[in-house]
Protein backbone atom coordinates (compact mmCIF):
# COMPACT_ATOMS: atom_id res chain seq x y z
CA UNK A 1 74.75 106.26 95.32
CA UNK A 2 76.02 109.88 94.31
CA UNK A 3 78.42 110.71 91.37
CA UNK A 4 81.58 110.86 93.66
CA UNK A 5 80.95 107.43 95.70
CA UNK A 6 80.89 106.02 92.00
CA UNK A 7 83.88 107.36 90.77
CA UNK A 8 85.72 106.71 94.25
CA UNK A 9 84.93 102.93 93.45
CA UNK A 10 85.66 102.87 90.02
CA UNK A 11 89.34 104.82 90.58
CA UNK A 12 92.79 103.41 89.60
CA UNK A 13 94.69 102.60 93.34
CA UNK A 14 98.00 103.77 91.97
CA UNK A 15 96.64 107.29 91.63
CA UNK A 16 95.64 107.72 95.13
CA UNK A 17 98.86 106.54 96.12
CA UNK A 18 101.59 108.69 97.71
CA UNK A 19 105.12 108.74 97.27
CA UNK A 20 105.65 108.09 100.37
CA UNK A 21 103.34 104.98 100.60
CA UNK A 22 105.29 103.68 97.53
CA UNK A 23 108.47 104.15 98.87
CA UNK A 24 107.50 102.51 102.62
CA UNK A 25 106.22 99.63 100.70
CA UNK A 26 109.52 99.21 98.70
CA UNK A 27 111.66 99.61 102.07
CA UNK A 28 109.40 97.03 103.72
CA UNK A 29 109.73 94.49 100.64
CA UNK A 30 113.49 94.83 100.84
CA UNK A 31 113.74 94.25 104.33
CA UNK A 32 111.64 91.23 104.00
CA UNK A 33 113.72 89.65 101.38
CA UNK A 34 117.44 90.40 102.87
CA UNK A 35 116.10 88.92 106.37
CA UNK A 36 114.52 86.08 104.93
CA UNK A 37 117.73 85.69 102.85
CA UNK A 38 119.74 86.19 106.14
CA UNK A 39 117.90 84.25 108.69
CA UNK A 40 118.38 81.40 106.06
CA UNK A 41 121.66 81.73 106.31
CA UNK A 42 121.94 82.10 109.85
CA UNK A 43 119.64 78.93 110.39
CA UNK A 44 122.30 76.99 108.15
CA UNK A 45 125.36 78.62 110.06
CA UNK A 46 123.57 77.05 113.70
CA UNK A 47 123.45 74.02 111.55
CA UNK A 48 126.85 73.83 110.19
CA UNK A 49 127.93 74.39 113.99
CA UNK A 50 126.14 71.81 115.29
CA UNK A 51 127.87 69.44 112.50
CA UNK A 52 131.54 70.85 112.66
CA UNK A 53 131.48 71.99 109.07
CA UNK A 54 134.38 75.00 110.10
CA UNK A 55 134.83 76.42 106.48
CA UNK A 56 130.84 76.36 105.72
CA UNK A 57 130.39 77.93 109.21
CA UNK A 58 133.19 80.83 108.65
CA UNK A 59 131.19 81.95 105.38
CA UNK A 60 128.13 81.64 106.55
CA UNK A 61 128.27 83.30 109.72
CA UNK A 62 130.30 86.16 107.98
CA UNK A 63 127.52 86.48 105.06
CA UNK A 64 124.61 86.72 107.41
CA UNK A 65 125.98 89.15 109.62
CA UNK A 66 127.03 91.34 107.08
CA UNK A 67 123.18 91.08 105.97
CA UNK A 68 121.70 91.80 109.48
CA UNK A 69 123.68 94.91 109.75
CA UNK A 70 122.20 96.06 106.59
CA UNK A 71 118.80 95.04 107.63
CA UNK A 72 119.56 96.99 110.74
CA UNK A 73 120.89 100.34 108.51
CA UNK A 74 117.08 99.66 106.86
CA UNK A 75 115.62 100.25 110.02
CA UNK A 76 117.16 102.67 112.05
CA UNK A 77 117.33 104.73 108.88
CA UNK A 78 113.38 104.93 108.72
CA UNK A 79 111.93 108.52 108.85
CA UNK A 80 109.57 108.08 111.81
CA UNK A 81 107.92 105.23 113.93
CA UNK A 82 105.50 104.47 111.59
CA UNK A 83 108.00 103.33 108.91
CA UNK A 84 110.08 101.34 111.77
CA UNK A 85 106.89 99.33 112.92
CA UNK A 86 105.95 98.29 109.39
CA UNK A 87 109.53 97.58 108.65
CA UNK A 88 109.93 95.45 112.36
CA UNK A 89 106.60 93.35 111.39
CA UNK A 90 107.68 92.52 107.98
CA UNK A 91 111.21 91.70 109.20
CA UNK A 92 109.70 89.52 112.31
CA UNK A 93 107.50 87.53 109.03
CA UNK A 94 110.58 87.01 107.47
CA UNK A 95 112.82 85.63 110.14
CA UNK A 96 109.89 83.50 110.69
CA UNK A 97 109.38 82.31 107.03
CA UNK A 98 113.03 81.85 106.94
CA UNK A 99 113.74 79.56 109.52
CA UNK A 100 111.37 77.21 108.81
CA UNK A 101 112.35 77.33 104.71
CA UNK A 102 115.65 76.56 106.01
CA UNK A 103 114.93 73.79 108.12
CA UNK A 104 111.82 72.19 106.34
CA UNK A 105 112.96 72.48 102.59
CA UNK A 106 116.78 73.64 102.20
CA UNK A 107 118.28 71.68 104.61
CA UNK A 108 117.05 68.11 103.45
CA UNK A 109 118.07 68.95 99.94
CA UNK A 110 121.74 70.25 100.91
CA UNK A 111 122.21 67.06 103.04
CA UNK A 112 121.09 65.06 99.86
CA UNK A 113 123.41 66.99 97.80
CA UNK A 114 126.33 66.21 99.98
CA UNK A 115 125.77 62.39 99.88
CA UNK A 116 126.04 62.59 96.18
CA UNK A 117 129.28 64.30 96.26
CA UNK A 118 130.95 62.82 99.46
CA UNK A 119 129.79 58.97 99.02
């Protein structure tokens, strides 16, 4: 191994990362969290619609639409197609995880919470 190879192996990862890469990672994380929360709220909105919880549906529908609007701004504000692809992939992953979390964990907890209040 040459001396340059050893320096390359021992380097700190933050030194080689460009400012654009850091910004892209932050945008992907922001869009992931936003879409995760919005998808959970949208799944709950569909559940509230099925069970005729009108006030819950009204609030969750309004909040989820504001979140989706913000997520679309993050997507369309990207500088190039590479950023759009990464943001789109992070949003797709967040949407699939958000629905699963909502239907698998949050909904049963919420139903137990309602049983404690109503009954």
